[in-house]
PDB file of N, CA and C in Angstrom:
ATOM      1  N   MET A   1      -9.665 -45.269 -92.627  1.00  0.00           N
ATOM      2  CA  MET A   1      -8.488 -44.512 -92.256  1.00  0.00           C
ATOM      3  C   MET A   1      -7.803 -43.927 -93.483  1.00  0.00           C
ATOM      4  N   ASN A   2      -7.786 -44.670 -94.570  1.00  0.00           N
ATOM      5  CA  ASN A   2      -7.142 -44.205 -95.794  1.00  0.00           C
ATOM      6  C   ASN A   2      -7.860 -42.986 -96.359  1.00  0.00           C
ATOM      7  N   LYS A   3      -9.206 -42.975 -96.249  1.00  0.00           N
ATOM      8  CA  LYS A   3      -9.985 -41.837 -96.734  1.00  0.00           C
ATOM      9  C   LYS A   3      -9.659 -40.577 -95.931  1.00  0.00           C
ATOM     10  N   GLU A   4      -9.457 -40.721 -94.629  1.00  0.00           N
ATOM     11  CA  GLU A   4      -9.099 -39.593 -93.781  1.00  0.00           C
ATOM     12  C   GLU A   4      -7.727 -39.041 -94.158  1.00  0.00           C
ATOM     13  N   HIS A   5      -6.803 -39.925 -94.475  1.00  0.00           N
ATOM     14  CA  HIS A   5      -5.446 -39.516 -94.846  1.00  0.00           C
ATOM     15  C   HIS A   5      -5.469 -38.752 -96.172  1.00  0.00           C
ATOM     16  N   THR A   6      -6.316 -39.185 -97.105  1.00  0.00           N
ATOM     17  CA  THR A   6      -6.436 -38.503 -98.389  1.00  0.00           C
ATOM     18  C   THR A   6      -7.039 -37.109 -98.199  1.00  0.00           C
ATOM     19  N   ALA A   7      -8.038 -37.001 -97.343  1.00  0.00           N
ATOM     20  CA  ALA A   7      -8.658 -35.710 -97.077  1.00  0.00           C
ATOM     21  C   ALA A   7      -7.657 -34.764 -96.434  1.00  0.00           C
ATOM     22  N   ASP A   8      -6.823 -35.282 -95.526  1.00  0.00           N
ATOM     23  CA  ASP A   8      -5.804 -34.445 -94.893  1.00  0.00           C
ATOM     24  C   ASP A   8      -4.767 -33.982 -95.911  1.00  0.00           C
ATOM     25  N   ALA A   9      -4.408 -34.831 -96.851  1.00  0.00           N
ATOM     26  CA  ALA A   9      -3.434 -34.452 -97.873  1.00  0.00           C
ATOM     27  C   ALA A   9      -4.027 -33.381 -98.791  1.00  0.00           C
ATOM     28  N   ALA A  10      -5.309 -33.533 -99.125  1.00  0.00           N
ATOM     29  CA  ALA A  10      -5.971 -32.526 -99.964  1.00  0.00           C
ATOM     30  C   ALA A  10      -6.083 -31.206 -99.215  1.00  0.00           C
ATOM     31  N   ALA A  11      -6.403 -31.263 -97.938  1.00  0.00           N
ATOM     32  CA  ALA A  11      -6.490 -30.049 -97.137  1.00  0.00           C
ATOM     33  C   ALA A  11      -5.119 -29.391 -97.013  1.00  0.00           C
ATOM     34  N   ALA A  12      -4.080 -30.173 -96.867  1.00  0.00           N
ATOM     35  CA  ALA A  12      -2.727 -29.620 -96.777  1.00  0.00           C
ATOM     36  C   ALA A  12      -2.323 -28.976 -98.093  1.00  0.00           C
ATOM     37  N   ALA A  13      -2.704 -29.590 -99.214  1.00  0.00           N
ATOM     38  CA  ALA A  13      -2.387 -29.015-100.527  1.00  0.00           C
ATOM     39  C   ALA A  13      -3.132 -27.706-100.726  1.00  0.00           C
ATOM     40  N   ARG A  14      -4.415 -27.650-100.334  1.00  0.00           N
ATOM     41  CA  ARG A  14      -5.185 -26.412-100.440  1.00  0.00           C
ATOM     42  C   ARG A  14      -4.573 -25.315 -99.568  1.00  0.00           C
ATOM     43  N   HIS A  15      -4.180 -25.696 -98.367  1.00  0.00           N
ATOM     44  CA  HIS A  15      -3.599 -24.710 -97.458  1.00  0.00           C
ATOM     45  C   HIS A  15      -2.260 -24.202 -97.995  1.00  0.00           C
ATOM     46  N   ALA A  16      -1.478 -25.078 -98.611  1.00  0.00           N
ATOM     47  CA  ALA A  16      -0.202 -24.647 -99.174  1.00  0.00           C
ATOM     48  C   ALA A  16      -0.421 -23.681-100.329  1.00  0.00           C
ATOM     49  N   ARG A  17      -1.483 -23.877-101.084  1.00  0.00           N
ATOM     50  CA  ARG A  17      -1.734 -23.023-102.245  1.00  0.00           C
ATOM     51  C   ARG A  17      -2.489 -21.749-101.876  1.00  0.00           C
ATOM     52  N   TYR A  18      -3.501 -21.863-101.024  1.00  0.00           N
ATOM     53  CA  TYR A  18      -4.379 -20.733-100.718  1.00  0.00           C
ATOM     54  C   TYR A  18      -4.324 -20.299 -99.258  1.00  0.00           C
ATOM     55  N   GLY A  19      -3.397 -20.750 -98.507  1.00  0.00           N
ATOM     56  CA  GLY A  19      -3.382 -20.528 -97.064  1.00  0.00           C
ATOM     57  C   GLY A  19      -3.092 -19.104 -96.630  1.00  0.00           C
ATOM     58  N   ARG A  20      -2.552 -18.271 -97.522  1.00  0.00           N
ATOM     59  CA  ARG A  20      -2.256 -16.889 -97.117  1.00  0.00           C
ATOM     60  C   ARG A  20      -2.674 -15.937 -98.226  1.00  0.00           C
ATOM     61  N   LEU A  21      -2.860 -14.692 -97.851  1.00  0.00           N
ATOM     62  CA  LEU A  21      -3.264 -13.673 -98.810  1.00  0.00           C
ATOM     63  C   LEU A  21      -2.067 -13.239 -99.648  1.00  0.00           C
ATOM     64  N   PRO A  22      -2.315 -12.760-100.852  1.00  0.00           N
ATOM     65  CA  PRO A  22      -1.208 -12.269-101.670  1.00  0.00           C
ATOM     66  C   PRO A  22      -0.633 -10.980-101.092  1.00  0.00           C
ATOM     67  N   GLU A  23       0.523 -10.605-101.581  1.00  0.00           N
ATOM     68  CA  GLU A  23       1.166  -9.382-101.108  1.00  0.00           C
ATOM     69  C   GLU A  23       0.293  -8.179-101.434  1.00  0.00           C
ATOM     70  N   ARG A  24       0.282  -7.206-100.567  1.00  0.00           N
ATOM     71  CA  ARG A  24      -0.529  -6.008-100.752  1.00  0.00           C
ATOM     72  C   ARG A  24       0.103  -5.111-101.814  1.00  0.00           C
ATOM     73  N   ILE A  25      -0.744  -4.553-102.687  1.00  0.00           N
ATOM     74  CA  ILE A  25      -0.292  -3.638-103.722  1.00  0.00           C
ATOM     75  C   ILE A  25      -0.562  -2.222-103.248  1.00  0.00           C
ATOM     76  N   ARG A  26       0.449  -1.379-103.304  1.00  0.00           N
ATOM     77  CA  ARG A  26       0.288   0.004-102.862  1.00  0.00           C
ATOM     78  C   ARG A  26      -0.555   0.768-103.871  1.00  0.00           C
ATOM     79  N   PHE A  27      -1.235   1.816-103.406  1.00  0.00           N
ATOM     80  CA  PHE A  27      -2.096   2.621-104.268  1.00  0.00           C
ATOM     81  C   PHE A  27      -1.288   3.300-105.367  1.00  0.00           C
ATOM     82  N   GLU A  28      -0.075   3.728-105.056  1.00  0.00           N
ATOM     83  CA  GLU A  28       0.773   4.393-106.040  1.00  0.00           C
ATOM     84  C   GLU A  28       1.116   3.461-107.204  1.00  0.00           C
ATOM     85  N   GLU A  29       1.171   2.171-106.958  1.00  0.00           N
ATOM     86  CA  GLU A  29       1.476   1.206-108.010  1.00  0.00           C
ATOM     87  C   GLU A  29       0.260   0.906-108.884  1.00  0.00           C
ATOM     88  N   MET A  30      -0.941   1.237-108.408  1.00  0.00           N
ATOM     89  CA  MET A  30      -2.157   0.953-109.163  1.00  0.00           C
ATOM     90  C   MET A  30      -2.581   2.102-110.060  1.00  0.00           C
ATOM     91  N   THR A  31      -2.033   3.288-109.856  1.00  0.00           N
ATOM     92  CA  THR A  31      -2.449   4.447-110.632  1.00  0.00           C
ATOM     93  C   THR A  31      -1.317   4.917-111.530  1.00  0.00           C
ATOM     94  N   GLU A  32      -1.695   5.619-112.582  1.00  0.00           N
ATOM     95  CA  GLU A  32      -0.712   6.151-113.510  1.00  0.00           C
ATOM     96  C   GLU A  32      -1.158   7.542-113.944  1.00  0.00           C
ATOM     97  N   GLY A  33      -0.272   8.491-113.851  1.00  0.00           N
ATOM     98  CA  GLY A  33      -0.590   9.852-114.268  1.00  0.00           C
ATOM     99  C   GLY A  33      -0.196  10.055-115.721  1.00  0.00           C
ATOM    100  N   VAL A  34      -1.118  10.595-116.515  1.00  0.00           N
ATOM    101  CA  VAL A  34      -0.867  10.831-117.930  1.00  0.00           C
ATOM    102  C   VAL A  34      -1.269  12.260-118.249  1.00  0.00           C
ATOM    103  N   GLU A  35      -0.452  12.933-119.010  1.00  0.00           N
ATOM    104  CA  GLU A  35      -0.761  14.294-119.418  1.00  0.00           C
ATOM    105  C   GLU A  35      -1.924  14.290-120.406  1.00  0.00           C
ATOM    106  N   ALA A  36      -2.838  15.239-120.246  1.00  0.00           N
ATOM    107  CA  ALA A  36      -3.959  15.372-121.172  1.00  0.00           C
ATOM    108  C   ALA A  36      -3.502  16.136-122.402  1.00  0.00           C
ATOM    109  N   GLU A  37      -4.056  15.772-123.540  1.00  0.00           N
ATOM    110  CA  GLU A  37      -3.697  16.445-124.781  1.00  0.00           C
ATOM    111  C   GLU A  37      -4.445  17.772-124.881  1.00  0.00           C
ATOM    112  N   PRO A  38      -3.766  18.857-125.198  1.00  0.00           N
ATOM    113  CA  PRO A  38      -4.471  20.134-125.343  1.00  0.00           C
ATOM    114  C   PRO A  38      -5.349  20.173-126.589  1.00  0.00           C
ATOM    115  N   SER A  39      -5.132  19.290-127.534  1.00  0.00           N
ATOM    116  CA  SER A  39      -5.930  19.293-128.761  1.00  0.00           C
ATOM    117  C   SER A  39      -7.251  18.539-128.590  1.00  0.00           C
ATOM    118  N   GLY A  40      -7.565  18.081-127.396  1.00  0.00           N
ATOM    119  CA  GLY A  40      -8.808  17.350-127.170  1.00  0.00           C
ATOM    120  C   GLY A  40     -10.035  18.197-127.420  1.00  0.00           C
ATOM    121  N   ALA A  41      -9.958  19.493-127.159  1.00  0.00           N
ATOM    122  CA  ALA A  41     -11.096  20.381-127.372  1.00  0.00           C
ATOM    123  C   ALA A  41     -11.345  20.620-128.854  1.00  0.00           C
ATOM    124  N   VAL A  42     -10.314  20.533-129.653  1.00  0.00           N
ATOM    125  CA  VAL A  42     -10.464  20.758-131.088  1.00  0.00           C
ATOM    126  C   VAL A  42     -11.270  19.622-131.716  1.00  0.00           C
ATOM    127  N   ARG A  43     -11.035  18.404-131.279  1.00  0.00           N
ATOM    128  CA  ARG A  43     -11.763  17.254-131.821  1.00  0.00           C
ATOM    129  C   ARG A  43     -13.224  17.250-131.401  1.00  0.00           C
ATOM    130  N   ALA A  44     -13.529  17.841-130.251  1.00  0.00           N
ATOM    131  CA  ALA A  44     -14.889  17.827-129.730  1.00  0.00           C
ATOM    132  C   ALA A  44     -15.666  19.077-130.133  1.00  0.00           C
ATOM    133  N   SER A  45     -15.157  19.866-131.052  1.00  0.00           N
ATOM    134  CA  SER A  45     -15.841  21.096-131.432  1.00  0.00           C
ATOM    135  C   SER A  45     -17.095  20.784-132.253  1.00  0.00           C
ATOM    136  N   TYR A  46     -18.028  21.711-132.252  1.00  0.00           N
ATOM    137  CA  TYR A  46     -19.300  21.535-132.940  1.00  0.00           C
ATOM    138  C   TYR A  46     -19.160  21.897-134.420  1.00  0.00           C
ATOM    139  N   ASP A  47     -19.637  21.021-135.280  1.00  0.00           N
ATOM    140  CA  ASP A  47     -19.612  21.273-136.720  1.00  0.00           C
ATOM    141  C   ASP A  47     -21.054  21.216-137.223  1.00  0.00           C
ATOM    142  N   PRO A  48     -21.681  22.361-137.514  1.00  0.00           N
ATOM    143  CA  PRO A  48     -23.087  22.351-137.923  1.00  0.00           C
ATOM    144  C   PRO A  48     -23.327  21.638-139.254  1.00  0.00           C
ATOM    145  N   GLU A  49     -22.328  21.585-140.123  1.00  0.00           N
ATOM    146  CA  GLU A  49     -22.485  20.905-141.408  1.00  0.00           C
ATOM    147  C   GLU A  49     -22.577  19.388-141.244  1.00  0.00           C
ATOM    148  N   ALA A  50     -21.913  18.857-140.241  1.00  0.00           N
ATOM    149  CA  ALA A  50     -21.905  17.411-140.033  1.00  0.00           C
ATOM    150  C   ALA A  50     -22.827  16.986-138.891  1.00  0.00           C
ATOM    151  N   ALA A  51     -23.614  17.902-138.335  1.00  0.00           N
ATOM    152  CA  ALA A  51     -24.468  17.575-137.199  1.00  0.00           C
ATOM    153  C   ALA A  51     -25.561  16.584-137.581  1.00  0.00           C
ATOM    154  N   TRP A  52     -25.985  16.574-138.824  1.00  0.00           N
ATOM    155  CA  TRP A  52     -27.059  15.665-139.244  1.00  0.00           C
ATOM    156  C   TRP A  52     -26.638  14.212-139.159  1.00  0.00           C
ATOM    157  N   LYS A  53     -25.355  13.924-139.161  1.00  0.00           N
ATOM    158  CA  LYS A  53     -24.864  12.547-139.096  1.00  0.00           C
ATOM    159  C   LYS A  53     -25.193  11.906-137.752  1.00  0.00           C
ATOM    160  N   TYR A  54     -25.276  12.710-136.707  1.00  0.00           N
ATOM    161  CA  TYR A  54     -25.474  12.187-135.364  1.00  0.00           C
ATOM    162  C   TYR A  54     -26.882  12.416-134.851  1.00  0.00           C
ATOM    163  N   TYR A  55     -27.769  12.946-135.677  1.00  0.00           N
ATOM    164  CA  TYR A  55     -29.140  13.198-135.274  1.00  0.00           C
ATOM    165  C   TYR A  55     -29.933  11.912-135.380  1.00  0.00           C
ATOM    166  N   SER A  56     -30.668  11.564-134.360  1.00  0.00           N
ATOM    167  CA  SER A  56     -31.450  10.344-134.368  1.00  0.00           C
ATOM    168  C   SER A  56     -32.882  10.667-133.960  1.00  0.00           C
ATOM    169  N   CYS A  57     -33.828  10.253-134.773  1.00  0.00           N
ATOM    170  CA  CYS A  57     -35.227  10.496-134.486  1.00  0.00           C
ATOM    171  C   CYS A  57     -35.996   9.238-134.884  1.00  0.00           C
ATOM    172  N   LEU A  58     -36.752   8.689-133.963  1.00  0.00           N
ATOM    173  CA  LEU A  58     -37.478   7.460-134.243  1.00  0.00           C
ATOM    174  C   LEU A  58     -38.503   7.655-135.343  1.00  0.00           C
ATOM    175  N   ALA A  59     -39.174   8.804-135.380  1.00  0.00           N
ATOM    176  CA  ALA A  59     -40.165   9.064-136.425  1.00  0.00           C
ATOM    177  C   ALA A  59     -39.513   9.077-137.801  1.00  0.00           C
ATOM    178  N   LEU A  60     -38.346   9.675-137.910  1.00  0.00           N
ATOM    179  CA  LEU A  60     -37.636   9.684-139.195  1.00  0.00           C
ATOM    180  C   LEU A  60     -37.135   8.281-139.558  1.00  0.00           C
ATOM    181  N   ASP A  61     -36.680   7.528-138.560  1.00  0.00           N
ATOM    182  CA  ASP A  61     -36.212   6.163-138.823  1.00  0.00           C
ATOM    183  C   ASP A  61     -37.337   5.276-139.327  1.00  0.00           C
ATOM    184  N   LEU A  62     -38.564   5.496-138.844  1.00  0.00           N
ATOM    185  CA  LEU A  62     -39.694   4.698-139.267  1.00  0.00           C
ATOM    186  C   LEU A  62     -40.338   5.227-140.545  1.00  0.00           C
ATOM    187  N   GLY A  63     -39.900   6.384-141.001  1.00  0.00           N
ATOM    188  CA  GLY A  63     -40.431   6.952-142.220  1.00  0.00           C
ATOM    189  C   GLY A  63     -41.775   7.634-142.012  1.00  0.00           C
ATOM    190  N   LEU A  64     -42.043   8.098-140.840  1.00  0.00           N
ATOM    191  CA  LEU A  64     -43.329   8.764-140.558  1.00  0.00           C
ATOM    192  C   LEU A  64     -43.279  10.226-140.876  1.00  0.00           C
TER     193      LEU A  64
END
């Protein structure tokens, strides 16, 4: 009988802690609008002098 009482107390504690779902979060609270920077295109521009820094070739890496 004592074991049954302990199981009921544990079940009651679980139900008190996890017995209901948390409050619903609205979609508006999950998103945030941020202005885009107009200078983003300037940073992504092509620079032919520095293009070799980002070139990757397995044959060149192996020295072939």
